[in-house]
Amino acid sequence: MSSPRKTSPESVRRVACVGAGVIGGGWVAHFLGGGYDVTAWDPAPDAEARLRRLVDAAWPALEQLGLAPGASPDRLTVTGTLEEAVADAEFVQESAPEKLELKRELLAKLDAATPAGVVIASSTSGYPMTDMQTAAATPGRLVVGHPFNPPYLIPLVEVAGGEHTDPDAVDWLSRFYESAGKSVITMDREVPGFIANRLQEALWREALHMVANGEATVADIDRSITEGPGLRWAVMGPMLTFALAGGEGGMAHMLDHFGPSLKSPWTRLEAPELDKELYDAVVTGCDDAAAGRTVADLVGERDRGVIAVLRATGRLPGTGAA
């Protein structure tokens, strides 16, 4: 990094949020709920009023999630300039619109204005940091911190550095997000669209094909997820869910039994070749994810979780959504 960093990830108390739209405002709410002092800047003339309305709307949910000691909307300061917002920041979250040249210029300005050594994260949902850090004087501290909307409610954030990002900055950011209450995936490499968006996009594209071809209605598609795999995905992801389809044989049995269906033209996506390397990677990955839990343990965990989701959403007899 450009100089010794003043603040450890766990000791950060003041963060700056640059860009205060839906995503940036969601970050502001999240950090305020976590007990941080937040400075924010957005070039829109009505930015402050809009941002404070967003925070007020999010606050009941943050109260239900559990506020940190001292958390208050009063700890938000909206500044008149970008430079004021980051002057004393111990961490900076950028959430500008998804325009590559805008991102490049803004990150370069943030790099110039932010105290040396302070990590600057971008909320980009698609651009790799390698493409965004080209104009910055010290690109080593620029890292992607990709959240999910709304950031104050959805725990996931994907962290990825670019070709010129210091690995120490990636580690710092992951530790900071974890201390701020996020669920962090630290990516080993840059992947266009990151992980969760790639999976969402595959489902979205297939859904559009079905509607376009008259194969399913919008209502059919949504119900197929909310009343089907979405219930299981709320408890464990698609990989462990498929592993349980193999019964006591786990993922290996599932691949042996259903692997040939990859060649069936069920979707418009081209399936990868299920060679030994991929087979072993999937089986081993599921074993690692199970972390010593037996199939019976996982089945019980899944069943309890699905019942809890059904009860919480009022879909069991005698229950109502909270």
Protein backbone atom coordinates (compact mmCIF):
# COMPACT_ATOMS: atom_id res chain seq x y z
CA MET A 1 0.00 0.00 0.00
CA SER A 2 1.04 3.63 -0.42
CA SER A 3 1.72 4.13 3.32
CA PRO A 4 1.07 2.37 6.63
CA ARG A 5 -2.66 2.27 7.18
CA LYS A 6 -3.88 4.17 10.26
CA THR A 7 -6.86 2.00 11.08
CA SER A 8 -7.36 -1.75 11.35
CA PRO A 9 -10.48 -3.16 9.69
CA GLU A 10 -12.09 -3.83 13.06
CA SER A 11 -11.35 -0.32 14.39
CA VAL A 12 -12.93 1.72 11.61
CA ARG A 13 -15.45 4.24 12.93
CA ARG A 14 -15.87 6.73 10.06
CA VAL A 15 -16.81 5.69 6.54
CA ALA A 16 -17.54 7.75 3.44
CA CYS A 17 -20.16 6.80 0.88
CA VAL A 18 -19.82 8.47 -2.52
CA GLY A 19 -22.93 8.08 -4.62
CA ALA A 20 -26.20 8.01 -2.68
CA GLY A 21 -28.71 6.36 -4.97
CA VAL A 22 -30.45 3.09 -4.20
CA ILE A 23 -27.22 1.12 -3.64
CA GLY A 24 -25.17 3.92 -2.12
CA GLY A 25 -28.07 4.91 0.12
CA GLY A 26 -28.45 1.28 1.18
CA TRP A 27 -24.78 1.23 2.17
CA VAL A 28 -25.30 4.44 4.17
CA ALA A 29 -28.19 2.84 6.04
CA HIS A 30 -26.17 -0.32 6.68
CA PHE A 31 -23.20 1.56 8.09
CA LEU A 32 -25.38 3.83 10.23
CA GLY A 33 -27.13 0.75 11.63
CA GLY A 34 -23.69 -0.65 12.42
CA GLY A 35 -22.88 2.34 14.59
CA TYR A 36 -20.51 4.08 12.19
CA ASP A 37 -20.20 7.80 11.52
CA VAL A 38 -21.02 8.26 7.84
CA THR A 39 -20.19 11.11 5.50
CA ALA A 40 -21.90 11.01 2.12
CA TRP A 41 -21.76 12.91 -1.14
CA ASP A 42 -23.80 12.74 -4.32
CA PRO A 43 -23.90 15.32 -7.12
CA ALA A 44 -27.71 15.31 -7.45
CA PRO A 45 -29.28 18.56 -6.17
CA ASP A 46 -31.86 16.68 -4.07
CA ALA A 47 -29.38 14.05 -2.85
CA GLU A 48 -29.56 14.82 0.86
CA ALA A 49 -33.35 14.83 1.12
CA ARG A 50 -33.60 11.64 -0.93
CA LEU A 51 -30.89 9.93 1.10
CA ARG A 52 -32.44 10.81 4.45
CA ARG A 53 -35.80 9.48 3.25
CA LEU A 54 -34.12 6.23 2.26
CA VAL A 55 -32.43 5.91 5.66
CA ASP A 56 -35.72 6.62 7.47
CA ALA A 57 -37.46 3.96 5.36
CA ALA A 58 -34.74 1.40 6.10
CA TRP A 59 -34.50 2.09 9.82
CA PRO A 60 -37.40 -0.17 10.96
CA ALA A 61 -35.74 -3.12 9.21
CA LEU A 62 -32.39 -2.23 10.77
CA GLU A 63 -34.04 -2.12 14.20
CA GLN A 64 -35.42 -5.62 13.64
CA LEU A 65 -32.00 -6.85 12.51
CA GLY A 66 -30.43 -5.33 15.62
CA LEU A 67 -28.73 -1.95 15.84
CA ALA A 68 -25.17 -1.57 17.07
CA PRO A 69 -24.63 0.46 20.25
CA GLY A 70 -24.88 4.17 19.45
CA ALA A 71 -26.37 3.61 16.00
CA SER A 72 -28.38 6.61 14.85
CA PRO A 73 -29.44 8.38 11.65
CA ASP A 74 -28.04 11.51 13.29
CA ARG A 75 -24.53 10.19 12.63
CA LEU A 76 -24.96 10.93 8.92
CA THR A 77 -23.35 14.04 7.46
CA VAL A 78 -24.03 14.94 3.84
CA THR A 79 -21.25 17.10 2.42
CA GLY A 80 -21.18 19.61 -0.39
CA THR A 81 -18.12 18.15 -2.12
CA LEU A 82 -16.50 14.81 -2.74
CA GLU A 83 -13.33 16.07 -1.07
CA GLU A 84 -15.16 16.93 2.16
CA ALA A 85 -16.80 13.52 2.26
CA VAL A 86 -13.52 11.59 2.20
CA ALA A 87 -11.25 14.02 4.06
CA ASP A 88 -11.30 12.07 7.34
CA ALA A 89 -12.59 8.73 6.05
CA GLU A 90 -11.14 5.46 7.29
CA PHE A 91 -12.91 3.60 4.48
CA VAL A 92 -14.63 4.73 1.26
CA GLN A 93 -17.51 3.00 -0.57
CA GLU A 94 -18.15 4.24 -4.12
CA SER A 95 -21.60 3.57 -5.62
CA ALA A 96 -21.81 5.64 -8.81
CA PRO A 97 -23.90 4.60 -11.85
CA GLU A 98 -22.61 1.70 -13.98
CA LYS A 99 -20.75 3.70 -16.61
CA LEU A 100 -17.14 2.65 -17.10
CA GLU A 101 -15.65 6.07 -17.90
CA LEU A 102 -17.53 7.61 -14.98
CA LYS A 103 -16.19 4.91 -12.67
CA ARG A 104 -12.64 5.44 -13.90
CA GLU A 105 -12.77 9.20 -13.44
CA LEU A 106 -14.49 9.02 -10.06
CA LEU A 107 -12.12 6.41 -8.64
CA ALA A 108 -9.16 8.53 -9.79
CA LYS A 109 -10.65 11.57 -8.02
CA LEU A 110 -11.31 9.54 -4.89
CA ASP A 111 -7.77 8.20 -4.95
CA ALA A 112 -6.43 11.75 -5.15
CA ALA A 113 -8.66 13.09 -2.35
CA THR A 114 -8.70 10.20 0.14
CA PRO A 115 -6.01 9.98 2.86
CA ALA A 116 -3.11 7.70 1.91
CA GLY A 117 -3.53 4.04 2.71
CA VAL A 118 -7.33 4.13 3.08
CA VAL A 119 -9.05 1.39 1.08
CA ILE A 120 -11.56 2.50 -1.56
CA ALA A 121 -14.23 -0.02 -2.61
CA SER A 122 -16.48 0.09 -5.66
CA SER A 123 -20.04 -1.24 -5.61
CA THR A 124 -19.89 -2.10 -9.31
CA SER A 125 -22.14 -4.96 -10.29
CA GLY A 126 -20.30 -5.92 -13.46
CA TYR A 127 -17.01 -4.15 -14.21
CA PRO A 128 -13.74 -5.77 -13.14
CA MET A 129 -11.51 -3.50 -11.06
CA THR A 130 -8.72 -3.94 -13.62
CA ASP A 131 -10.84 -1.93 -16.08
CA MET A 132 -11.77 0.75 -13.53
CA GLN A 133 -8.44 1.48 -11.83
CA THR A 134 -6.56 2.59 -14.95
CA ALA A 135 -6.60 6.34 -14.19
CA ALA A 136 -5.77 6.17 -10.47
CA ALA A 137 -2.33 7.21 -9.23
CA THR A 138 -2.32 4.54 -6.50
CA PRO A 139 -4.54 1.74 -7.83
CA GLY A 140 -3.29 -0.71 -5.21
CA ARG A 141 -5.96 0.36 -2.74
CA LEU A 142 -8.90 0.06 -5.14
CA VAL A 143 -11.03 -3.07 -4.63
CA VAL A 144 -14.47 -4.22 -5.75
CA GLY A 145 -17.00 -4.60 -2.94
CA HIS A 146 -20.11 -5.77 -4.79
CA PRO A 147 -23.25 -5.78 -2.59
CA PHE A 148 -26.79 -6.96 -3.19
CA ASN A 149 -29.81 -4.74 -3.03
CA PRO A 150 -30.63 -3.56 -0.48
CA PRO A 151 -27.18 -3.60 1.15
CA TYR A 152 -28.65 -3.01 4.61
CA LEU A 153 -30.76 -6.17 4.36
CA ILE A 154 -28.98 -8.69 2.10
CA PRO A 155 -25.77 -9.91 3.78
CA LEU A 156 -23.72 -10.91 0.74
CA VAL A 157 -20.83 -8.85 -0.60
CA GLU A 158 -18.32 -10.10 -3.18
CA VAL A 159 -14.75 -8.80 -2.88
CA ALA A 160 -12.31 -8.87 -5.81
CA GLY A 161 -9.12 -7.01 -6.61
CA GLY A 162 -7.81 -5.99 -10.01
CA GLU A 163 -4.46 -6.62 -11.66
CA HIS A 164 -2.95 -3.64 -9.84
CA THR A 165 -4.72 -4.11 -6.50
CA ASP A 166 -2.54 -4.83 -3.48
CA PRO A 167 -3.50 -8.25 -2.01
CA ASP A 168 -3.29 -6.62 1.41
CA ALA A 169 -6.11 -4.25 0.40
CA VAL A 170 -8.30 -7.20 -0.61
CA ASP A 171 -7.67 -8.88 2.74
CA TRP A 172 -8.31 -5.63 4.62
CA LEU A 173 -11.61 -5.07 2.84
CA SER A 174 -12.87 -8.59 3.47
CA ARG A 175 -12.05 -8.26 7.16
CA PHE A 176 -13.72 -4.87 7.34
CA TYR A 177 -16.95 -6.08 5.74
CA GLU A 178 -17.03 -9.07 8.08
CA SER A 179 -16.61 -6.78 11.08
CA ALA A 180 -19.42 -4.62 9.63
CA GLY A 181 -21.78 -7.61 9.61
CA LYS A 182 -21.59 -8.69 5.97
CA SER A 183 -21.26 -12.24 4.58
CA VAL A 184 -18.15 -12.05 2.41
CA ILE A 185 -16.98 -14.02 -0.61
CA THR A 186 -13.35 -13.14 -1.36
CA MET A 187 -12.82 -14.07 -4.99
CA ASP A 188 -9.53 -15.57 -6.11
CA ARG A 189 -9.81 -13.96 -9.54
CA GLU A 190 -11.88 -11.45 -11.46
CA VAL A 191 -14.98 -12.90 -13.11
CA PRO A 192 -17.20 -10.64 -15.25
CA GLY A 193 -20.45 -10.19 -13.34
CA PHE A 194 -18.89 -11.88 -10.28
CA ILE A 195 -20.55 -15.03 -8.91
CA ALA A 196 -24.12 -14.36 -7.80
CA ASN A 197 -24.92 -12.09 -10.74
CA ARG A 198 -23.70 -14.75 -13.17
CA LEU A 199 -26.11 -17.24 -11.60
CA GLN A 200 -28.97 -14.74 -11.52
CA GLU A 201 -28.32 -13.83 -15.15
CA ALA A 202 -28.51 -17.46 -16.28
CA LEU A 203 -31.91 -17.86 -14.63
CA TRP A 204 -33.09 -14.49 -15.96
CA ARG A 205 -32.14 -15.27 -19.54
CA GLU A 206 -33.86 -18.64 -19.49
CA ALA A 207 -36.96 -17.01 -18.01
CA LEU A 208 -37.03 -14.46 -20.83
CA HIS A 209 -36.70 -17.25 -23.41
CA MET A 210 -39.68 -19.06 -21.86
CA VAL A 211 -41.85 -15.93 -21.92
CA ALA A 212 -40.78 -15.08 -25.49
CA ASN A 213 -41.59 -18.61 -26.70
CA GLY A 214 -44.90 -18.82 -24.86
CA GLU A 215 -43.59 -21.67 -22.72
CA ALA A 216 -44.46 -20.07 -19.38
CA THR A 217 -46.07 -16.91 -18.02
CA VAL A 218 -44.32 -14.45 -15.74
CA ALA A 219 -46.49 -15.70 -12.87
CA ASP A 220 -45.57 -19.32 -13.67
CA ILE A 221 -41.86 -18.48 -13.60
CA ASP A 222 -41.99 -16.60 -10.31
CA ARG A 223 -44.10 -19.29 -8.65
CA SER A 224 -41.77 -22.01 -9.91
CA ILE A 225 -39.00 -20.43 -7.80
CA THR A 226 -40.88 -19.17 -4.73
CA GLU A 227 -42.77 -22.46 -4.31
CA GLY A 228 -39.94 -24.67 -5.52
CA PRO A 229 -36.15 -24.41 -5.47
CA GLY A 230 -36.16 -20.92 -3.94
CA LEU A 231 -37.35 -22.40 -0.65
CA ARG A 232 -34.39 -24.77 -0.59
CA TRP A 233 -31.92 -22.13 -1.77
CA ALA A 234 -32.85 -20.00 1.24
CA VAL A 235 -31.31 -22.74 3.40
CA MET A 236 -28.47 -24.14 1.28
CA GLY A 237 -27.27 -23.32 -2.21
CA PRO A 238 -27.81 -25.22 -5.45
CA MET A 239 -24.71 -27.39 -5.07
CA LEU A 240 -25.57 -28.92 -1.69
CA THR A 241 -29.23 -29.04 -2.72
CA PHE A 242 -28.28 -31.19 -5.71
CA ALA A 243 -25.96 -33.29 -3.54
CA LEU A 244 -28.97 -34.25 -1.41
CA ALA A 245 -30.70 -35.43 -4.58
CA GLY A 246 -28.10 -38.21 -4.58
CA GLY A 247 -29.31 -39.51 -1.25
CA GLU A 248 -26.69 -41.23 0.87
CA GLY A 249 -24.44 -41.37 -2.17
CA GLY A 250 -24.29 -37.57 -2.20
CA MET A 251 -23.05 -35.55 -5.14
CA ALA A 252 -21.14 -38.44 -6.68
CA HIS A 253 -24.32 -40.51 -7.00
CA MET A 254 -26.25 -37.49 -8.24
CA LEU A 255 -23.68 -36.86 -11.00
CA ASP A 256 -23.60 -40.53 -11.99
CA HIS A 257 -27.39 -40.62 -12.15
CA PHE A 258 -28.25 -37.21 -13.62
CA GLY A 259 -25.00 -36.21 -15.30
CA PRO A 260 -26.07 -37.48 -18.73
CA SER A 261 -29.04 -35.05 -18.66
CA LEU A 262 -26.53 -32.23 -19.11
CA LYS A 263 -26.59 -33.19 -22.77
CA SER A 264 -30.37 -32.78 -22.95
CA PRO A 265 -31.47 -29.47 -24.51
CA TRP A 266 -33.40 -28.33 -21.44
CA THR A 267 -31.96 -24.81 -21.46
CA ARG A 268 -30.43 -22.45 -24.01
CA LEU A 269 -27.14 -22.53 -22.13
CA GLU A 270 -24.34 -24.78 -23.31
CA ALA A 271 -23.35 -27.29 -20.63
CA PRO A 272 -19.69 -27.82 -19.73
CA GLU A 273 -18.14 -31.21 -20.37
CA LEU A 274 -18.56 -33.32 -17.24
CA ASP A 275 -15.00 -34.65 -17.32
CA LYS A 276 -13.15 -36.19 -14.36
CA GLU A 277 -11.65 -32.88 -13.29
CA LEU A 278 -15.04 -31.18 -13.05
CA TYR A 279 -16.64 -34.27 -11.52
CA ASP A 280 -13.99 -34.44 -8.78
CA ALA A 281 -14.10 -30.68 -8.15
CA VAL A 282 -17.86 -30.74 -7.61
CA VAL A 283 -17.82 -33.83 -5.39
CA THR A 284 -14.91 -32.58 -3.29
CA GLY A 285 -16.45 -29.12 -3.07
CA CYS A 286 -19.69 -30.54 -1.70
CA ASP A 287 -17.81 -32.65 0.83
CA ASP A 288 -15.96 -29.54 1.96
CA ALA A 289 -19.17 -27.52 2.14
CA ALA A 290 -20.84 -30.23 4.23
CA ALA A 291 -18.04 -29.71 6.78
CA GLY A 292 -18.53 -33.07 8.46
CA ARG A 293 -22.32 -33.02 8.45
CA THR A 294 -23.91 -36.29 7.36
CA VAL A 295 -26.60 -36.55 4.72
CA ALA A 296 -29.13 -37.00 7.53
CA ASP A 297 -27.81 -33.84 9.21
CA LEU A 298 -28.15 -31.86 5.99
CA VAL A 299 -31.63 -33.20 5.27
CA GLY A 300 -32.76 -32.18 8.75
CA GLU A 301 -31.20 -28.75 8.38
CA ARG A 302 -32.86 -28.25 5.02
CA ASP A 303 -36.27 -29.42 6.20
CA ARG A 304 -36.24 -27.22 9.31
CA GLY A 305 -35.15 -24.23 7.24
CA VAL A 306 -37.81 -24.67 4.57
CA ILE A 307 -40.51 -25.04 7.22
CA ALA A 308 -39.24 -21.87 8.91
CA VAL A 309 -39.41 -19.96 5.61
CA LEU A 310 -42.92 -21.25 4.89
CA ARG A 311 -44.06 -20.29 8.40
CA ALA A 312 -42.44 -16.86 8.26
CA THR A 313 -44.07 -16.07 4.92
CA GLY A 314 -47.51 -17.26 6.01
CA ARG A 315 -47.62 -20.25 3.68
CA LEU A 316 -48.36 -22.86 6.35
CA PRO A 317 -51.93 -23.39 7.60
CA GLY A 318 -52.66 -21.22 10.59
CA THR A 319 -49.76 -18.83 10.01
CA GLY A 320 -49.54 -15.32 8.68
CA ALA A 321 -46.62 -13.35 7.34
CA ALA A 322 -45.08 -11.11 9.99
